[in-house]
Amino acid sequence: MARSIRVGYGEHITKRGHENSDLILLEADLADSTQSEPFQLAFPNRYFQIGIAEQNMVGMAAGLSQEGKLPVVNSFAAFIAMRACEQVRTDVAYPNLNVKFVVSHAGVSAGSAGPTHHTYEDIAIMRSIPNMTVMVPGDVREMRQVLDVALELKGPVYIRISAIDIPDTYTKDTVFSIGKATILNKGSDITLITTGTMMCEASEVVKNLEQKGISARLLQMASIKPIDKDSIKLAAKETNHIFTIEEHNVIGGLGSAVAEVLSENNLGKLTRLGFNDEFCKVGGDPSFLLDHAGLSSDKLTQKILLEIEK
C-alpha cells in the first residue's frame, strides 16, 4: 500500500515532540503541504508560523539553536536550498549549529506547480556546504529512522522528502545507518545505487532485469553525505557496471558523489541516470513527469539494457 512520507513525517515528529520539550518546529506558510500540522496541534507554544519568509525562518532557527533548543525547519526543498541558501550556509552551517531542515516536494513531486517549485539542484547545493549532513529517505519506514538519527546528531542536517505516495520498500527489519548503504537486493552482474523515492522504481527495475537474466545488486543510499565509500568500492570490484538513479540533476547529486569515490580509487564503470541538466518543460502529475524524464521503472530498464549492450 502506498503511503505519504509527508504524513509519516508529521506523525513521527509529533511523537518525538512528546519525548523532547526542546524540540521546536518552524513553518513558512506550508503546514498543510509539509504535514507539520499534527505538531502544531499538539504543541502550539513550540510551533512558529513565520509566513513566506524562509530566510528569516532560518535565521530564527539559528537563534533558537544558540539558546539550547532543537529547531526543525519545514518548507519546500526549492525554498530552503535556493531562496534561503545564504542563511543556511552562513547562519547555520558556518557556526555548525544544531538545526534540522526537513524539506518536502523534492524533485518533481510538486507536479503541476512547475519548475519554480521543482528541485533538481538541492542535493548538489547542500552536500557542498561544510558541516552539512544530507539524507534522502525513500519511504515512511526509512524516513522515521532517518529522522531519529538526525535529531540525535549534533550539527545541521538536510532531509529531503517527496510529496509522492510511496509503497514501503523497507521491511520492518531493515535498519538505516548514517554513512551506510542499505542492501535491498544482492546481485552479481550490475549494481543500481539509488536514493529517495527512486528506491521504489529501482526495485521494479531489478525485477525487470531478472526476467532478462541480469542479476542486479540494489543499494539504497539514503545517506548522501557522508556516503558509503566502502559499498561503492565493493560494488565496482564485484559487479561489471554501476548505475545511479536519482530524482535530481545528474550533475552534483548522487551520481556525482559516486563518481568521486570511483575516480579517486580508479574503479568501475558508471552511468548516471536522472535529470540530464535540464528543467522539466512540461506540467502534470509527478508520475507523468518522472516517466517523461525517463525515470519510470520501464524507461529506466530500457536505458540500462541499452548501456549493457554497448
C-alpha atoms as a PDB file:
ATOM      1  CA  MET A   1       0.000   0.000   0.000  1.00  0.00           C
ATOM      2  CA  ALA A   2       1.333   3.422  -0.957  1.00  0.00           C
ATOM      3  CA  ARG A   3       1.847   5.854   1.911  1.00  0.00           C
ATOM      4  CA  SER A   4       2.723   9.517   2.137  1.00  0.00           C
ATOM      5  CA  ILE A   5       6.192  10.202   3.523  1.00  0.00           C
ATOM      6  CA  ARG A   6       4.957  13.679   4.495  1.00  0.00           C
ATOM      7  CA  VAL A   7       2.111  12.275   6.597  1.00  0.00           C
ATOM      8  CA  GLY A   8       4.511   9.826   8.191  1.00  0.00           C
ATOM      9  CA  TYR A   9       6.849  12.713   8.971  1.00  0.00           C
ATOM     10  CA  GLY A  10       4.080  14.736  10.638  1.00  0.00           C
ATOM     11  CA  GLU A  11       3.147  11.778  12.808  1.00  0.00           C
ATOM     12  CA  HIS A  12       6.711  10.908  13.766  1.00  0.00           C
ATOM     13  CA  ILE A  13       7.947  14.435  14.525  1.00  0.00           C
ATOM     14  CA  THR A  14       4.914  14.842  16.804  1.00  0.00           C
ATOM     15  CA  LYS A  15       5.836  11.623  18.590  1.00  0.00           C
ATOM     16  CA  ARG A  16       9.370  12.938  19.080  1.00  0.00           C
ATOM     17  CA  GLY A  17       7.905  16.212  20.361  1.00  0.00           C
ATOM     18  CA  HIS A  18       6.356  14.323  23.263  1.00  0.00           C
ATOM     19  CA  GLU A  19       9.819  12.963  24.106  1.00  0.00           C
ATOM     20  CA  ASN A  20      11.783  16.230  23.866  1.00  0.00           C
ATOM     21  CA  SER A  21      10.433  19.517  25.199  1.00  0.00           C
ATOM     22  CA  ASP A  22      13.216  21.445  23.435  1.00  0.00           C
ATOM     23  CA  LEU A  23      12.027  20.327  20.001  1.00  0.00           C
ATOM     24  CA  ILE A  24      10.587  23.300  18.074  1.00  0.00           C
ATOM     25  CA  LEU A  25       9.098  23.456  14.561  1.00  0.00           C
ATOM     26  CA  LEU A  26       9.244  26.434  12.228  1.00  0.00           C
ATOM     27  CA  GLU A  27       6.981  26.639   9.189  1.00  0.00           C
ATOM     28  CA  ALA A  28       6.734  29.008   6.206  1.00  0.00           C
ATOM     29  CA  ASP A  29       3.011  29.038   5.410  1.00  0.00           C
ATOM     30  CA  LEU A  30       3.020  25.437   4.150  1.00  0.00           C
ATOM     31  CA  ALA A  31       1.784  23.426   7.129  1.00  0.00           C
ATOM     32  CA  ASP A  32      -0.803  21.507   5.124  1.00  0.00           C
ATOM     33  CA  SER A  33       1.743  20.706   2.396  1.00  0.00           C
ATOM     34  CA  THR A  34       4.620  19.675   4.654  1.00  0.00           C
ATOM     35  CA  GLN A  35       2.211  17.952   7.068  1.00  0.00           C
ATOM     36  CA  SER A  36       3.589  19.695  10.144  1.00  0.00           C
ATOM     37  CA  GLU A  37       0.051  20.410  11.426  1.00  0.00           C
ATOM     38  CA  PRO A  38      -0.079  17.495  13.924  1.00  0.00           C
ATOM     39  CA  PHE A  39       2.870  19.044  15.777  1.00  0.00           C
ATOM     40  CA  GLN A  40       1.168  22.441  15.733  1.00  0.00           C
ATOM     41  CA  LEU A  41      -1.989  20.983  17.283  1.00  0.00           C
ATOM     42  CA  ALA A  42      -0.050  19.058  19.927  1.00  0.00           C
ATOM     43  CA  PHE A  43       2.443  21.812  20.841  1.00  0.00           C
ATOM     44  CA  PRO A  44       1.121  25.250  19.820  1.00  0.00           C
ATOM     45  CA  ASN A  45       3.694  27.005  22.019  1.00  0.00           C
ATOM     46  CA  ARG A  46       6.561  25.222  20.252  1.00  0.00           C
ATOM     47  CA  TYR A  47       5.348  25.846  16.704  1.00  0.00           C
ATOM     48  CA  PHE A  48       6.157  29.061  14.848  1.00  0.00           C
ATOM     49  CA  GLN A  49       4.344  30.004  11.637  1.00  0.00           C
ATOM     50  CA  ILE A  50       6.707  32.503  10.012  1.00  0.00           C
ATOM     51  CA  GLY A  51       4.842  33.114   6.762  1.00  0.00           C
ATOM     52  CA  ILE A  52       6.509  33.328   3.362  1.00  0.00           C
ATOM     53  CA  ALA A  53       9.839  34.456   4.808  1.00  0.00           C
ATOM     54  CA  GLU A  54      12.181  31.483   4.546  1.00  0.00           C
ATOM     55  CA  GLN A  55      15.361  33.496   5.047  1.00  0.00           C
ATOM     56  CA  ASN A  56      14.007  34.952   8.273  1.00  0.00           C
ATOM     57  CA  MET A  57      12.884  31.490   9.361  1.00  0.00           C
ATOM     58  CA  VAL A  58      16.395  30.054   9.016  1.00  0.00           C
ATOM     59  CA  GLY A  59      17.809  32.979  10.980  1.00  0.00           C
ATOM     60  CA  MET A  60      15.269  32.399  13.747  1.00  0.00           C
ATOM     61  CA  ALA A  61      16.188  28.703  13.831  1.00  0.00           C
ATOM     62  CA  ALA A  62      19.849  29.642  14.238  1.00  0.00           C
ATOM     63  CA  GLY A  63      18.989  31.839  17.206  1.00  0.00           C
ATOM     64  CA  LEU A  64      16.829  29.169  18.834  1.00  0.00           C
ATOM     65  CA  SER A  65      19.666  26.665  18.466  1.00  0.00           C
ATOM     66  CA  GLN A  66      22.077  29.027  20.213  1.00  0.00           C
ATOM     67  CA  GLU A  67      19.629  29.153  23.135  1.00  0.00           C
ATOM     68  CA  GLY A  68      19.748  25.381  23.523  1.00  0.00           C
ATOM     69  CA  LYS A  69      16.593  24.490  21.600  1.00  0.00           C
ATOM     70  CA  LEU A  70      16.329  21.884  18.813  1.00  0.00           C
ATOM     71  CA  PRO A  71      14.723  23.695  15.848  1.00  0.00           C
ATOM     72  CA  VAL A  72      13.367  21.820  12.841  1.00  0.00           C
ATOM     73  CA  VAL A  73      12.740  23.965   9.755  1.00  0.00           C
ATOM     74  CA  ASN A  74       9.970  22.885   7.370  1.00  0.00           C
ATOM     75  CA  SER A  75       9.332  24.091   3.813  1.00  0.00           C
ATOM     76  CA  PHE A  76       9.615  23.011   0.186  1.00  0.00           C
ATOM     77  CA  ALA A  77      13.071  21.905  -0.920  1.00  0.00           C
ATOM     78  CA  ALA A  78      13.251  24.695  -3.512  1.00  0.00           C
ATOM     79  CA  PHE A  79      12.671  27.425  -0.948  1.00  0.00           C
ATOM     80  CA  ILE A  80      15.264  26.246   1.589  1.00  0.00           C
ATOM     81  CA  ALA A  81      18.028  25.078  -0.756  1.00  0.00           C
ATOM     82  CA  MET A  82      17.849  28.126  -3.020  1.00  0.00           C
ATOM     83  CA  ARG A  83      15.889  31.051  -1.589  1.00  0.00           C
ATOM     84  CA  ALA A  84      17.427  30.669   1.882  1.00  0.00           C
ATOM     85  CA  CYS A  85      20.768  29.186   0.827  1.00  0.00           C
ATOM     86  CA  GLU A  86      22.863  32.063   2.172  1.00  0.00           C
ATOM     87  CA  GLN A  87      21.218  31.834   5.592  1.00  0.00           C
ATOM     88  CA  VAL A  88      21.597  28.042   5.671  1.00  0.00           C
ATOM     89  CA  ARG A  89      25.284  28.380   4.849  1.00  0.00           C
ATOM     90  CA  THR A  90      26.256  31.413   6.905  1.00  0.00           C
ATOM     91  CA  ASP A  91      23.826  31.446   9.840  1.00  0.00           C
ATOM     92  CA  VAL A  92      23.650  27.682  10.451  1.00  0.00           C
ATOM     93  CA  ALA A  93      26.410  25.661   8.766  1.00  0.00           C
ATOM     94  CA  TYR A  94      29.301  28.087   9.309  1.00  0.00           C
ATOM     95  CA  PRO A  95      28.855  28.104  13.130  1.00  0.00           C
ATOM     96  CA  ASN A  96      27.846  24.401  12.947  1.00  0.00           C
ATOM     97  CA  LEU A  97      24.549  24.945  14.748  1.00  0.00           C
ATOM     98  CA  ASN A  98      22.171  22.136  15.657  1.00  0.00           C
ATOM     99  CA  VAL A  99      19.388  22.942  13.176  1.00  0.00           C
ATOM    100  CA  LYS A 100      17.493  20.344  11.142  1.00  0.00           C
ATOM    101  CA  PHE A 101      15.918  21.039   7.757  1.00  0.00           C
ATOM    102  CA  VAL A 102      13.106  18.716   6.669  1.00  0.00           C
ATOM    103  CA  VAL A 103      12.095  19.730   3.159  1.00  0.00           C
ATOM    104  CA  SER A 104       9.281  18.295   1.072  1.00  0.00           C
ATOM    105  CA  HIS A 105       8.160  18.347  -2.584  1.00  0.00           C
ATOM    106  CA  ALA A 106      11.685  17.481  -3.733  1.00  0.00           C
ATOM    107  CA  GLY A 107      12.437  16.549  -7.321  1.00  0.00           C
ATOM    108  CA  VAL A 108       9.309  16.911  -9.451  1.00  0.00           C
ATOM    109  CA  SER A 109       6.897  15.824  -6.730  1.00  0.00           C
ATOM    110  CA  ALA A 110       5.391  19.342  -6.687  1.00  0.00           C
ATOM    111  CA  GLY A 111       3.856  18.279 -10.004  1.00  0.00           C
ATOM    112  CA  SER A 112       1.886  20.906 -11.885  1.00  0.00           C
ATOM    113  CA  ALA A 113       3.283  23.703  -9.683  1.00  0.00           C
ATOM    114  CA  GLY A 114       6.052  23.663 -12.255  1.00  0.00           C
ATOM    115  CA  PRO A 115       9.800  24.340 -12.423  1.00  0.00           C
ATOM    116  CA  THR A 116       9.653  27.169  -9.857  1.00  0.00           C
ATOM    117  CA  HIS A 117       8.665  24.563  -7.258  1.00  0.00           C
ATOM    118  CA  HIS A 118      10.598  21.588  -8.642  1.00  0.00           C
ATOM    119  CA  THR A 119      14.033  20.906  -7.174  1.00  0.00           C
ATOM    120  CA  TYR A 120      16.755  19.269  -9.241  1.00  0.00           C
ATOM    121  CA  GLU A 121      19.689  21.081  -7.615  1.00  0.00           C
ATOM    122  CA  ASP A 122      19.345  20.819  -3.834  1.00  0.00           C
ATOM    123  CA  ILE A 123      21.474  17.743  -3.146  1.00  0.00           C
ATOM    124  CA  ALA A 124      24.336  19.349  -5.086  1.00  0.00           C
ATOM    125  CA  ILE A 125      23.962  22.600  -3.138  1.00  0.00           C
ATOM    126  CA  MET A 126      23.615  21.067   0.310  1.00  0.00           C
ATOM    127  CA  ARG A 127      26.340  18.443   0.075  1.00  0.00           C
ATOM    128  CA  SER A 128      28.812  21.164  -0.951  1.00  0.00           C
ATOM    129  CA  ILE A 129      28.229  23.110   2.284  1.00  0.00           C
ATOM    130  CA  PRO A 130      30.748  22.250   5.033  1.00  0.00           C
ATOM    131  CA  ASN A 131      29.316  20.714   8.232  1.00  0.00           C
ATOM    132  CA  MET A 132      26.031  19.779   6.492  1.00  0.00           C
ATOM    133  CA  THR A 133      24.766  16.192   6.630  1.00  0.00           C
ATOM    134  CA  VAL A 134      22.451  15.211   3.749  1.00  0.00           C
ATOM    135  CA  MET A 135      19.930  12.360   3.895  1.00  0.00           C
ATOM    136  CA  VAL A 136      17.228  11.324   1.421  1.00  0.00           C
ATOM    137  CA  PRO A 137      14.794   8.665   2.715  1.00  0.00           C
ATOM    138  CA  GLY A 138      12.751   6.651   0.243  1.00  0.00           C
ATOM    139  CA  ASP A 139       9.673   5.545   2.181  1.00  0.00           C
ATOM    140  CA  VAL A 140       7.903   6.080   5.504  1.00  0.00           C
ATOM    141  CA  ARG A 141       9.857   3.433   7.400  1.00  0.00           C
ATOM    142  CA  GLU A 142      13.198   4.778   6.246  1.00  0.00           C
ATOM    143  CA  MET A 143      12.096   8.364   6.930  1.00  0.00           C
ATOM    144  CA  ARG A 144      11.340   7.542  10.581  1.00  0.00           C
ATOM    145  CA  GLN A 145      14.797   6.079  11.070  1.00  0.00           C
ATOM    146  CA  VAL A 146      16.478   8.958   9.236  1.00  0.00           C
ATOM    147  CA  LEU A 147      14.614  11.497  11.369  1.00  0.00           C
ATOM    148  CA  ASP A 148      15.565   9.717  14.585  1.00  0.00           C
ATOM    149  CA  VAL A 149      19.232   9.715  13.575  1.00  0.00           C
ATOM    150  CA  ALA A 150      19.095  13.383  12.543  1.00  0.00           C
ATOM    151  CA  LEU A 151      17.563  14.521  15.829  1.00  0.00           C
ATOM    152  CA  GLU A 152      20.327  12.800  17.794  1.00  0.00           C
ATOM    153  CA  LEU A 153      23.131  14.055  15.547  1.00  0.00           C
ATOM    154  CA  LYS A 154      24.821  17.320  16.526  1.00  0.00           C
ATOM    155  CA  GLY A 155      25.056  19.860  13.724  1.00  0.00           C
ATOM    156  CA  PRO A 156      22.993  20.830  10.669  1.00  0.00           C
ATOM    157  CA  VAL A 157      21.112  18.130   8.765  1.00  0.00           C
ATOM    158  CA  TYR A 158      19.199  18.389   5.477  1.00  0.00           C
ATOM    159  CA  ILE A 159      16.473  15.748   4.999  1.00  0.00           C
ATOM    160  CA  ARG A 160      14.896  15.655   1.548  1.00  0.00           C
ATOM    161  CA  ILE A 161      11.459  14.022   1.166  1.00  0.00           C
ATOM    162  CA  SER A 162       8.975  13.638  -1.655  1.00  0.00           C
ATOM    163  CA  ALA A 163       5.313  14.599  -1.890  1.00  0.00           C
ATOM    164  CA  ILE A 164       4.506  11.362  -3.754  1.00  0.00           C
ATOM    165  CA  ASP A 165       2.766   8.462  -2.004  1.00  0.00           C
ATOM    166  CA  ILE A 166       5.202   5.542  -1.977  1.00  0.00           C
ATOM    167  CA  PRO A 167       4.764   1.854  -1.064  1.00  0.00           C
ATOM    168  CA  ASP A 168       7.103   0.618   1.650  1.00  0.00           C
ATOM    169  CA  THR A 169      10.277  -0.946   0.290  1.00  0.00           C
ATOM    170  CA  TYR A 170      11.941  -1.118   3.686  1.00  0.00           C
ATOM    171  CA  THR A 171      10.780  -4.136   5.697  1.00  0.00           C
ATOM    172  CA  LYS A 172      10.170  -3.911   9.432  1.00  0.00           C
ATOM    173  CA  ASP A 173      13.637  -5.418   9.945  1.00  0.00           C
ATOM    174  CA  THR A 174      15.546  -3.077   7.593  1.00  0.00           C
ATOM    175  CA  VAL A 175      17.915  -0.786   9.505  1.00  0.00           C
ATOM    176  CA  PHE A 176      19.216   2.604   8.364  1.00  0.00           C
ATOM    177  CA  SER A 177      22.680   3.679   9.478  1.00  0.00           C
ATOM    178  CA  ILE A 178      24.238   7.036   8.678  1.00  0.00           C
ATOM    179  CA  GLY A 179      27.114   6.727   6.228  1.00  0.00           C
ATOM    180  CA  LYS A 180      25.978   3.253   5.161  1.00  0.00           C
ATOM    181  CA  ALA A 181      24.068   1.977   2.150  1.00  0.00           C
ATOM    182  CA  THR A 182      21.151  -0.393   2.653  1.00  0.00           C
ATOM    183  CA  ILE A 183      21.397  -3.559   0.555  1.00  0.00           C
ATOM    184  CA  LEU A 184      17.919  -4.194  -0.852  1.00  0.00           C
ATOM    185  CA  ASN A 185      18.958  -6.869  -3.331  1.00  0.00           C
ATOM    186  CA  LYS A 186      22.106  -8.954  -3.713  1.00  0.00           C
ATOM    187  CA  GLY A 187      23.234  -9.136  -7.325  1.00  0.00           C
ATOM    188  CA  SER A 188      26.390 -10.054  -9.196  1.00  0.00           C
ATOM    189  CA  ASP A 189      26.160  -8.589 -12.720  1.00  0.00           C
ATOM    190  CA  ILE A 190      25.476  -4.871 -12.227  1.00  0.00           C
ATOM    191  CA  THR A 191      24.762  -2.513  -9.328  1.00  0.00           C
ATOM    192  CA  LEU A 192      21.961   0.020  -9.043  1.00  0.00           C
ATOM    193  CA  ILE A 193      22.569   2.772  -6.481  1.00  0.00           C
ATOM    194  CA  THR A 194      19.502   4.839  -5.728  1.00  0.00           C
ATOM    195  CA  THR A 195      18.315   7.437  -3.249  1.00  0.00           C
ATOM    196  CA  GLY A 196      14.972   8.757  -2.085  1.00  0.00           C
ATOM    197  CA  THR A 197      11.784   7.561  -3.721  1.00  0.00           C
ATOM    198  CA  MET A 198      13.689   6.236  -6.728  1.00  0.00           C
ATOM    199  CA  MET A 199      14.221   3.247  -4.439  1.00  0.00           C
ATOM    200  CA  CYS A 200      10.710   2.111  -5.376  1.00  0.00           C
ATOM    201  CA  GLU A 201      11.283   2.442  -9.140  1.00  0.00           C
ATOM    202  CA  ALA A 202      14.661   0.738  -8.859  1.00  0.00           C
ATOM    203  CA  SER A 203      13.111  -2.225  -7.042  1.00  0.00           C
ATOM    204  CA  GLU A 204      10.878  -2.756 -10.079  1.00  0.00           C
ATOM    205  CA  VAL A 205      13.883  -2.383 -12.376  1.00  0.00           C
ATOM    206  CA  VAL A 206      15.610  -5.221 -10.507  1.00  0.00           C
ATOM    207  CA  LYS A 207      12.612  -7.471 -11.227  1.00  0.00           C
ATOM    208  CA  ASN A 208      12.542  -6.434 -14.889  1.00  0.00           C
ATOM    209  CA  LEU A 209      16.245  -7.174 -15.306  1.00  0.00           C
ATOM    210  CA  GLU A 210      15.913 -10.530 -13.574  1.00  0.00           C
ATOM    211  CA  GLN A 211      13.451 -11.555 -16.301  1.00  0.00           C
ATOM    212  CA  LYS A 212      16.224 -10.756 -18.806  1.00  0.00           C
ATOM    213  CA  GLY A 213      18.696 -12.931 -16.923  1.00  0.00           C
ATOM    214  CA  ILE A 214      20.574  -9.999 -15.362  1.00  0.00           C
ATOM    215  CA  SER A 215      21.381 -10.083 -11.648  1.00  0.00           C
ATOM    216  CA  ALA A 216      21.276  -6.565 -10.211  1.00  0.00           C
ATOM    217  CA  ARG A 217      22.556  -5.514  -6.820  1.00  0.00           C
ATOM    218  CA  LEU A 218      20.398  -2.725  -5.349  1.00  0.00           C
ATOM    219  CA  LEU A 219      21.845  -0.254  -2.858  1.00  0.00           C
ATOM    220  CA  GLN A 220      19.649   2.413  -1.287  1.00  0.00           C
ATOM    221  CA  MET A 221      21.927   5.361  -0.470  1.00  0.00           C
ATOM    222  CA  ALA A 222      19.759   7.439   1.857  1.00  0.00           C
ATOM    223  CA  SER A 223      22.932   8.829   3.420  1.00  0.00           C
ATOM    224  CA  ILE A 224      24.344  11.075   0.698  1.00  0.00           C
ATOM    225  CA  LYS A 225      26.774  12.902   2.949  1.00  0.00           C
ATOM    226  CA  PRO A 226      28.524  11.062   4.475  1.00  0.00           C
ATOM    227  CA  ILE A 227      28.346   8.473   1.707  1.00  0.00           C
ATOM    228  CA  ASP A 228      29.188   4.780   1.979  1.00  0.00           C
ATOM    229  CA  LYS A 229      32.508   4.629   0.133  1.00  0.00           C
ATOM    230  CA  ASP A 230      33.137   1.005   1.054  1.00  0.00           C
ATOM    231  CA  SER A 231      29.894  -0.251  -0.506  1.00  0.00           C
ATOM    232  CA  ILE A 232      30.585   1.724  -3.680  1.00  0.00           C
ATOM    233  CA  LYS A 233      34.127   0.367  -3.997  1.00  0.00           C
ATOM    234  CA  LEU A 234      32.956  -3.188  -3.317  1.00  0.00           C
ATOM    235  CA  ALA A 235      30.223  -2.890  -5.959  1.00  0.00           C
ATOM    236  CA  ALA A 236      32.766  -1.669  -8.505  1.00  0.00           C
ATOM    237  CA  LYS A 237      35.000  -4.660  -7.783  1.00  0.00           C
ATOM    238  CA  GLU A 238      32.269  -7.315  -7.667  1.00  0.00           C
ATOM    239  CA  THR A 239      29.941  -6.164 -10.481  1.00  0.00           C
ATOM    240  CA  ASN A 240      30.551  -5.002 -14.048  1.00  0.00           C
ATOM    241  CA  HIS A 241      28.706  -1.694 -14.164  1.00  0.00           C
ATOM    242  CA  ILE A 242      27.256   0.795 -11.660  1.00  0.00           C
ATOM    243  CA  PHE A 243      24.111   2.810 -12.411  1.00  0.00           C
ATOM    244  CA  THR A 244      22.990   5.666 -10.162  1.00  0.00           C
ATOM    245  CA  ILE A 245      19.300   6.590 -10.193  1.00  0.00           C
ATOM    246  CA  GLU A 246      18.043   9.849  -8.707  1.00  0.00           C
ATOM    247  CA  GLU A 247      15.225  12.391  -8.960  1.00  0.00           C
ATOM    248  CA  HIS A 248      17.815  15.149  -9.304  1.00  0.00           C
ATOM    249  CA  ASN A 249      20.173  16.642 -11.855  1.00  0.00           C
ATOM    250  CA  VAL A 250      22.872  14.145 -12.813  1.00  0.00           C
ATOM    251  CA  ILE A 251      25.328  16.961 -12.059  1.00  0.00           C
ATOM    252  CA  GLY A 252      26.217  17.339  -8.407  1.00  0.00           C
ATOM    253  CA  GLY A 253      23.880  14.782  -6.860  1.00  0.00           C
ATOM    254  CA  LEU A 254      24.135  11.082  -6.033  1.00  0.00           C
ATOM    255  CA  GLY A 255      25.737  10.235  -9.371  1.00  0.00           C
ATOM    256  CA  SER A 256      28.470  12.805  -8.878  1.00  0.00           C
ATOM    257  CA  ALA A 257      29.076  11.656  -5.308  1.00  0.00           C
ATOM    258  CA  VAL A 258      29.514   8.067  -6.502  1.00  0.00           C
ATOM    259  CA  ALA A 259      31.710   9.220  -9.402  1.00  0.00           C
ATOM    260  CA  GLU A 260      34.013  10.990  -6.947  1.00  0.00           C
ATOM    261  CA  VAL A 261      34.546   7.764  -4.997  1.00  0.00           C
ATOM    262  CA  LEU A 262      35.170   5.713  -8.142  1.00  0.00           C
ATOM    263  CA  SER A 263      37.552   8.199  -9.763  1.00  0.00           C
ATOM    264  CA  GLU A 264      39.584   8.678  -6.589  1.00  0.00           C
ATOM    265  CA  ASN A 265      40.073   4.909  -6.401  1.00  0.00           C
ATOM    266  CA  ASN A 266      40.467   4.274 -10.162  1.00  0.00           C
ATOM    267  CA  LEU A 267      37.493   1.920 -10.153  1.00  0.00           C
ATOM    268  CA  GLY A 268      34.479   0.904 -12.138  1.00  0.00           C
ATOM    269  CA  LYS A 269      32.189   1.830 -14.981  1.00  0.00           C
ATOM    270  CA  LEU A 270      29.442   4.322 -14.121  1.00  0.00           C
ATOM    271  CA  THR A 271      26.265   5.563 -15.798  1.00  0.00           C
ATOM    272  CA  ARG A 272      24.308   8.371 -14.082  1.00  0.00           C
ATOM    273  CA  LEU A 273      20.531   8.357 -14.569  1.00  0.00           C
ATOM    274  CA  GLY A 274      18.473  11.374 -13.533  1.00  0.00           C
ATOM    275  CA  PHE A 275      17.576  14.761 -14.971  1.00  0.00           C
ATOM    276  CA  ASN A 276      20.082  15.446 -17.732  1.00  0.00           C
ATOM    277  CA  ASP A 277      20.996  19.011 -16.814  1.00  0.00           C
ATOM    278  CA  GLU A 278      17.673  20.420 -17.946  1.00  0.00           C
ATOM    279  CA  PHE A 279      14.453  21.779 -16.491  1.00  0.00           C
ATOM    280  CA  CYS A 280      11.248  19.794 -16.756  1.00  0.00           C
ATOM    281  CA  LYS A 281       9.462  21.609 -19.570  1.00  0.00           C
ATOM    282  CA  VAL A 282       6.034  20.024 -19.125  1.00  0.00           C
ATOM    283  CA  GLY A 283       3.478  20.038 -16.331  1.00  0.00           C
ATOM    284  CA  GLY A 284       1.326  17.353 -14.829  1.00  0.00           C
ATOM    285  CA  ASP A 285       1.191  14.589 -12.274  1.00  0.00           C
ATOM    286  CA  PRO A 286       4.572  13.643 -10.752  1.00  0.00           C
ATOM    287  CA  SER A 287       4.378  10.107 -12.145  1.00  0.00           C
ATOM    288  CA  PHE A 288       3.900  11.545 -15.638  1.00  0.00           C
ATOM    289  CA  LEU A 289       6.844  13.913 -15.128  1.00  0.00           C
ATOM    290  CA  LEU A 290       9.106  11.084 -13.971  1.00  0.00           C
ATOM    291  CA  ASP A 291       8.147   8.992 -16.982  1.00  0.00           C
ATOM    292  CA  HIS A 292       8.722  11.982 -19.268  1.00  0.00           C
ATOM    293  CA  ALA A 293      12.213  12.332 -17.780  1.00  0.00           C
ATOM    294  CA  GLY A 294      12.922   8.633 -18.324  1.00  0.00           C
ATOM    295  CA  LEU A 295      12.775   7.814 -14.611  1.00  0.00           C
ATOM    296  CA  SER A 296       9.873   5.362 -14.573  1.00  0.00           C
ATOM    297  CA  SER A 297      10.835   1.739 -13.945  1.00  0.00           C
ATOM    298  CA  ASP A 298      10.108   0.715 -17.547  1.00  0.00           C
ATOM    299  CA  LYS A 299      12.163   3.511 -19.096  1.00  0.00           C
ATOM    300  CA  LEU A 300      14.988   3.015 -16.615  1.00  0.00           C
ATOM    301  CA  THR A 301      15.071  -0.662 -17.558  1.00  0.00           C
ATOM    302  CA  GLN A 302      15.297   0.240 -21.251  1.00  0.00           C
ATOM    303  CA  LYS A 303      18.166   2.684 -20.626  1.00  0.00           C
ATOM    304  CA  ILE A 304      20.087   0.176 -18.537  1.00  0.00           C
ATOM    305  CA  LEU A 305      19.692  -2.600 -21.108  1.00  0.00           C
ATOM    306  CA  LEU A 306      20.952  -0.280 -23.852  1.00  0.00           C
ATOM    307  CA  GLU A 307      24.017   0.638 -21.779  1.00  0.00           C
ATOM    308  CA  ILE A 308      24.781  -3.002 -21.016  1.00  0.00           C
ATOM    309  CA  GLU A 309      24.634  -3.865 -24.707  1.00  0.00           C
ATOM    310  CA  LYS A 310      27.203  -1.214 -25.682  1.00  0.00           C
END
